[in-house]
């Protein structure tokens, strides 16, 4: 590795691929994934730090003093310098929409259909419910599809699964 691939930070060696080593022991530090899906690490005497921010601050120039580090491919665990860039908040949000990892005004909290984290039905099942819903009761449909009759009602009234 040449000087561009490794930068020393206090007692640590940081690679351009996002690996961090303890200089004294030579051991690679093992980050964990936090609730938001980012690799996080604690260096001696520090709070929890995001690995992607450490890599960006050390390897990627930021002449416009932008505040956020974006993962170009949308994969939060890919901390290689070729995958990171500095953006403004608005640019970062726009990028998330552009690559399809954010939907609607609330982003991940507003994913629809099969993209939603609590999805229990497929689009085909929803269409089937709407087709046969006129001939069956809410209770019958909820038993068949293993969802509440409130969910069935919202599907039939197009308050849920509006996009299909």
C-alpha atoms as a PDB file:
ATOM      1  CA  UNK A   1       0.000   0.000   0.000  1.00  0.00           C
ATOM      2  CA  UNK A   2       1.223   3.453  -0.773  1.00  0.00           C
ATOM      3  CA  UNK A   3       0.646   6.608   1.234  1.00  0.00           C
ATOM      4  CA  UNK A   4      -2.670   7.290  -0.544  1.00  0.00           C
ATOM      5  CA  UNK A   5      -4.109   3.978   0.672  1.00  0.00           C
ATOM      6  CA  UNK A   6      -3.298   4.385   4.366  1.00  0.00           C
ATOM      7  CA  UNK A   7      -3.497   7.334   6.710  1.00  0.00           C
ATOM      8  CA  UNK A   8      -2.424   7.260  10.327  1.00  0.00           C
ATOM      9  CA  UNK A   9      -4.808   8.682  12.891  1.00  0.00           C
ATOM     10  CA  UNK A  10      -3.334   8.836  16.407  1.00  0.00           C
ATOM     11  CA  UNK A  11      -2.815   5.162  17.308  1.00  0.00           C
ATOM     12  CA  UNK A  12      -4.694   3.833  14.307  1.00  0.00           C
ATOM     13  CA  UNK A  13      -4.069   3.037  10.666  1.00  0.00           C
ATOM     14  CA  UNK A  14      -7.029   3.689   8.369  1.00  0.00           C
ATOM     15  CA  UNK A  15      -7.138   2.218   4.868  1.00  0.00           C
ATOM     16  CA  UNK A  16      -8.894   3.698   1.857  1.00  0.00           C
ATOM     17  CA  UNK A  17     -11.150   0.638   1.909  1.00  0.00           C
ATOM     18  CA  UNK A  18     -12.489   1.482   5.358  1.00  0.00           C
ATOM     19  CA  UNK A  19     -10.469  -0.905   7.512  1.00  0.00           C
ATOM     20  CA  UNK A  20      -9.044   0.406  10.782  1.00  0.00           C
ATOM     21  CA  UNK A  21      -6.077  -1.163  12.585  1.00  0.00           C
ATOM     22  CA  UNK A  22      -4.591  -0.604  16.014  1.00  0.00           C
ATOM     23  CA  UNK A  23      -0.948   0.356  15.364  1.00  0.00           C
ATOM     24  CA  UNK A  24       0.329  -1.015  18.687  1.00  0.00           C
ATOM     25  CA  UNK A  25      -1.232  -4.478  18.346  1.00  0.00           C
ATOM     26  CA  UNK A  26      -1.498  -4.633  14.568  1.00  0.00           C
ATOM     27  CA  UNK A  27      -5.033  -5.965  14.970  1.00  0.00           C
ATOM     28  CA  UNK A  28      -7.884  -4.966  12.710  1.00  0.00           C
ATOM     29  CA  UNK A  29     -10.718  -3.369  14.691  1.00  0.00           C
ATOM     30  CA  UNK A  30     -14.142  -4.897  14.301  1.00  0.00           C
ATOM     31  CA  UNK A  31     -16.898  -2.311  13.783  1.00  0.00           C
ATOM     32  CA  UNK A  32     -20.555  -3.043  14.477  1.00  0.00           C
ATOM     33  CA  UNK A  33     -23.619  -2.063  12.516  1.00  0.00           C
ATOM     34  CA  UNK A  34     -25.799   0.498  14.313  1.00  0.00           C
ATOM     35  CA  UNK A  35     -29.596   0.863  14.152  1.00  0.00           C
ATOM     36  CA  UNK A  36     -29.365   2.940  10.969  1.00  0.00           C
ATOM     37  CA  UNK A  37     -27.218   0.299   9.224  1.00  0.00           C
ATOM     38  CA  UNK A  38     -23.846   2.104   9.343  1.00  0.00           C
ATOM     39  CA  UNK A  39     -20.547   0.597  10.463  1.00  0.00           C
ATOM     40  CA  UNK A  40     -19.678   2.222  13.781  1.00  0.00           C
ATOM     41  CA  UNK A  41     -16.499   2.025  15.825  1.00  0.00           C
ATOM     42  CA  UNK A  42     -15.154   3.346  19.111  1.00  0.00           C
ATOM     43  CA  UNK A  43     -11.551   4.481  19.095  1.00  0.00           C
ATOM     44  CA  UNK A  44      -9.738   4.909  22.406  1.00  0.00           C
ATOM     45  CA  UNK A  45     -11.040   7.973  24.233  1.00  0.00           C
ATOM     46  CA  UNK A  46     -13.758   8.702  21.677  1.00  0.00           C
ATOM     47  CA  UNK A  47     -17.487   8.386  21.331  1.00  0.00           C
ATOM     48  CA  UNK A  48     -18.965   6.068  18.732  1.00  0.00           C
ATOM     49  CA  UNK A  49     -17.804   7.144  15.281  1.00  0.00           C
ATOM     50  CA  UNK A  50     -19.097   6.253  11.825  1.00  0.00           C
ATOM     51  CA  UNK A  51     -16.443   4.489   9.754  1.00  0.00           C
ATOM     52  CA  UNK A  52     -17.623   6.166   6.530  1.00  0.00           C
ATOM     53  CA  UNK A  53     -17.124   9.620   8.086  1.00  0.00           C
ATOM     54  CA  UNK A  54     -13.622   8.732   9.292  1.00  0.00           C
ATOM     55  CA  UNK A  55     -12.674   7.515   5.802  1.00  0.00           C
ATOM     56  CA  UNK A  56     -14.188  10.567   4.096  1.00  0.00           C
ATOM     57  CA  UNK A  57     -12.552  13.032   6.498  1.00  0.00           C
ATOM     58  CA  UNK A  58      -9.139  11.447   5.973  1.00  0.00           C
ATOM     59  CA  UNK A  59      -9.186  10.666   2.240  1.00  0.00           C
ATOM     60  CA  UNK A  60     -11.762  12.802   0.437  1.00  0.00           C
ATOM     61  CA  UNK A  61     -11.239  16.546   0.001  1.00  0.00           C
ATOM     62  CA  UNK A  62     -14.194  18.704   1.045  1.00  0.00           C
ATOM     63  CA  UNK A  63     -13.388  22.217  -0.239  1.00  0.00           C
ATOM     64  CA  UNK A  64     -17.052  23.315  -0.086  1.00  0.00           C
ATOM     65  CA  UNK A  65     -17.363  22.138   3.547  1.00  0.00           C
ATOM     66  CA  UNK A  66     -20.369  19.912   2.831  1.00  0.00           C
ATOM     67  CA  UNK A  67     -21.690  18.198   5.949  1.00  0.00           C
ATOM     68  CA  UNK A  68     -22.885  14.737   4.849  1.00  0.00           C
ATOM     69  CA  UNK A  69     -21.077  11.700   3.499  1.00  0.00           C
ATOM     70  CA  UNK A  70     -23.008   9.819   0.836  1.00  0.00           C
ATOM     71  CA  UNK A  71     -22.625   6.160  -0.142  1.00  0.00           C
ATOM     72  CA  UNK A  72     -22.846   6.347  -3.939  1.00  0.00           C
ATOM     73  CA  UNK A  73     -24.145   2.791  -4.342  1.00  0.00           C
ATOM     74  CA  UNK A  74     -26.599   3.155  -1.439  1.00  0.00           C
ATOM     75  CA  UNK A  75     -24.899   0.365   0.527  1.00  0.00           C
ATOM     76  CA  UNK A  76     -24.174   1.773   3.980  1.00  0.00           C
ATOM     77  CA  UNK A  77     -21.517  -0.837   4.756  1.00  0.00           C
ATOM     78  CA  UNK A  78     -19.402  -0.107   1.650  1.00  0.00           C
ATOM     79  CA  UNK A  79     -16.922   2.391   3.081  1.00  0.00           C
ATOM     80  CA  UNK A  80     -14.387   2.405   0.255  1.00  0.00           C
ATOM     81  CA  UNK A  81     -13.307   5.912  -0.837  1.00  0.00           C
ATOM     82  CA  UNK A  82     -14.514   5.150  -4.368  1.00  0.00           C
ATOM     83  CA  UNK A  83     -18.030   4.773  -2.923  1.00  0.00           C
ATOM     84  CA  UNK A  84     -18.067   7.887  -0.730  1.00  0.00           C
ATOM     85  CA  UNK A  85     -18.602  11.567  -1.503  1.00  0.00           C
ATOM     86  CA  UNK A  86     -19.377  14.774   0.367  1.00  0.00           C
ATOM     87  CA  UNK A  87     -22.880  16.209  -0.206  1.00  0.00           C
ATOM     88  CA  UNK A  88     -25.280  18.703   1.297  1.00  0.00           C
ATOM     89  CA  UNK A  89     -28.356  17.348   3.094  1.00  0.00           C
ATOM     90  CA  UNK A  90     -30.565  18.147   0.100  1.00  0.00           C
ATOM     91  CA  UNK A  91     -28.164  16.490  -2.332  1.00  0.00           C
ATOM     92  CA  UNK A  92     -28.001  13.388  -0.132  1.00  0.00           C
ATOM     93  CA  UNK A  93     -31.795  13.121   0.041  1.00  0.00           C
ATOM     94  CA  UNK A  94     -32.104  13.637  -3.713  1.00  0.00           C
ATOM     95  CA  UNK A  95     -29.524  10.905  -4.304  1.00  0.00           C
ATOM     96  CA  UNK A  96     -31.530   8.492  -2.123  1.00  0.00           C
ATOM     97  CA  UNK A  97     -34.654   9.195  -4.220  1.00  0.00           C
ATOM     98  CA  UNK A  98     -32.701   8.878  -7.470  1.00  0.00           C
ATOM     99  CA  UNK A  99     -31.333   5.420  -6.673  1.00  0.00           C
ATOM    100  CA  UNK A 100     -34.625   4.197  -5.178  1.00  0.00           C
ATOM    101  CA  UNK A 101     -33.749   3.769  -1.507  1.00  0.00           C
ATOM    102  CA  UNK A 102     -36.067   6.556  -0.375  1.00  0.00           C
ATOM    103  CA  UNK A 103     -39.743   6.834  -1.285  1.00  0.00           C
ATOM    104  CA  UNK A 104     -42.242   9.507  -0.375  1.00  0.00           C
ATOM    105  CA  UNK A 105     -41.739  12.452   1.946  1.00  0.00           C
ATOM    106  CA  UNK A 106     -40.637  10.360   4.928  1.00  0.00           C
ATOM    107  CA  UNK A 107     -38.177   8.110   3.130  1.00  0.00           C
ATOM    108  CA  UNK A 108     -37.767   4.676   4.719  1.00  0.00           C
ATOM    109  CA  UNK A 109     -40.749   5.296   7.000  1.00  0.00           C
ATOM    110  CA  UNK A 110     -42.983   5.737   3.958  1.00  0.00           C
ATOM    111  CA  UNK A 111     -42.026   2.758   1.799  1.00  0.00           C
ATOM    112  CA  UNK A 112     -45.006   1.305   0.031  1.00  0.00           C
ATOM    113  CA  UNK A 113     -46.199  -2.125  -1.011  1.00  0.00           C
ATOM    114  CA  UNK A 114     -43.695  -4.944  -0.893  1.00  0.00           C
ATOM    115  CA  UNK A 115     -40.925  -2.448   0.005  1.00  0.00           C
ATOM    116  CA  UNK A 116     -42.504  -1.817   3.419  1.00  0.00           C
ATOM    117  CA  UNK A 117     -40.787  -3.627   6.310  1.00  0.00           C
ATOM    118  CA  UNK A 118     -44.079  -4.961   7.739  1.00  0.00           C
ATOM    119  CA  UNK A 119     -45.535  -6.244   4.473  1.00  0.00           C
ATOM    120  CA  UNK A 120     -47.675  -9.373   4.827  1.00  0.00           C
ATOM    121  CA  UNK A 121     -49.341  -9.452   1.439  1.00  0.00           C
ATOM    122  CA  UNK A 122     -48.116  -9.518  -2.133  1.00  0.00           C
ATOM    123  CA  UNK A 123     -49.447  -7.244  -4.844  1.00  0.00           C
ATOM    124  CA  UNK A 124     -51.177 -10.263  -6.405  1.00  0.00           C
ATOM    125  CA  UNK A 125     -52.986 -10.973  -3.132  1.00  0.00           C
ATOM    126  CA  UNK A 126     -54.120  -7.352  -2.834  1.00  0.00           C
ATOM    127  CA  UNK A 127     -55.534  -7.429  -6.362  1.00  0.00           C
ATOM    128  CA  UNK A 128     -57.257 -10.717  -5.553  1.00  0.00           C
ATOM    129  CA  UNK A 129     -58.759  -9.225  -2.376  1.00  0.00           C
ATOM    130  CA  UNK A 130     -60.142  -6.320  -4.380  1.00  0.00           C
ATOM    131  CA  UNK A 131     -61.536  -8.683  -7.003  1.00  0.00           C
ATOM    132  CA  UNK A 132     -63.304 -11.094  -4.643  1.00  0.00           C
ATOM    133  CA  UNK A 133     -63.926  -8.593  -1.861  1.00  0.00           C
ATOM    134  CA  UNK A 134     -67.393  -7.760  -3.107  1.00  0.00           C
ATOM    135  CA  UNK A 135     -68.570 -11.340  -2.571  1.00  0.00           C
ATOM    136  CA  UNK A 136     -67.001 -12.086   0.832  1.00  0.00           C
ATOM    137  CA  UNK A 137     -67.134 -10.541   4.279  1.00  0.00           C
ATOM    138  CA  UNK A 138     -64.207  -8.702   5.831  1.00  0.00           C
ATOM    139  CA  UNK A 139     -63.944 -11.496   8.395  1.00  0.00           C
ATOM    140  CA  UNK A 140     -63.756 -14.204   5.716  1.00  0.00           C
ATOM    141  CA  UNK A 141     -61.072 -12.320   3.808  1.00  0.00           C
ATOM    142  CA  UNK A 142     -59.057 -11.602   6.949  1.00  0.00           C
ATOM    143  CA  UNK A 143     -59.063 -15.316   7.865  1.00  0.00           C
ATOM    144  CA  UNK A 144     -57.981 -16.385   4.373  1.00  0.00           C
ATOM    145  CA  UNK A 145     -55.161 -13.808   4.081  1.00  0.00           C
ATOM    146  CA  UNK A 146     -54.156 -13.835   7.783  1.00  0.00           C
ATOM    147  CA  UNK A 147     -54.457 -10.077   8.264  1.00  0.00           C
ATOM    148  CA  UNK A 148     -56.915  -7.999  10.300  1.00  0.00           C
ATOM    149  CA  UNK A 149     -60.276  -7.107   8.851  1.00  0.00           C
ATOM    150  CA  UNK A 150     -59.258  -3.484   9.352  1.00  0.00           C
ATOM    151  CA  UNK A 151     -56.401  -4.091   6.880  1.00  0.00           C
ATOM    152  CA  UNK A 152     -58.834  -5.733   4.434  1.00  0.00           C
ATOM    153  CA  UNK A 153     -61.191  -2.764   4.768  1.00  0.00           C
ATOM    154  CA  UNK A 154     -58.387  -0.292   4.071  1.00  0.00           C
ATOM    155  CA  UNK A 155     -57.319  -2.291   0.995  1.00  0.00           C
ATOM    156  CA  UNK A 156     -60.878  -2.363  -0.349  1.00  0.00           C
ATOM    157  CA  UNK A 157     -61.305   1.373   0.301  1.00  0.00           C
ATOM    158  CA  UNK A 158     -57.911   2.074  -1.297  1.00  0.00           C
ATOM    159  CA  UNK A 159     -56.443   3.593   1.865  1.00  0.00           C
ATOM    160  CA  UNK A 160     -53.714   0.939   1.745  1.00  0.00           C
ATOM    161  CA  UNK A 161     -51.921  -0.259  -1.376  1.00  0.00           C
ATOM    162  CA  UNK A 162     -53.122   2.865  -3.226  1.00  0.00           C
ATOM    163  CA  UNK A 163     -50.331   2.525  -5.766  1.00  0.00           C
ATOM    164  CA  UNK A 164     -51.884  -0.554  -7.408  1.00  0.00           C
END
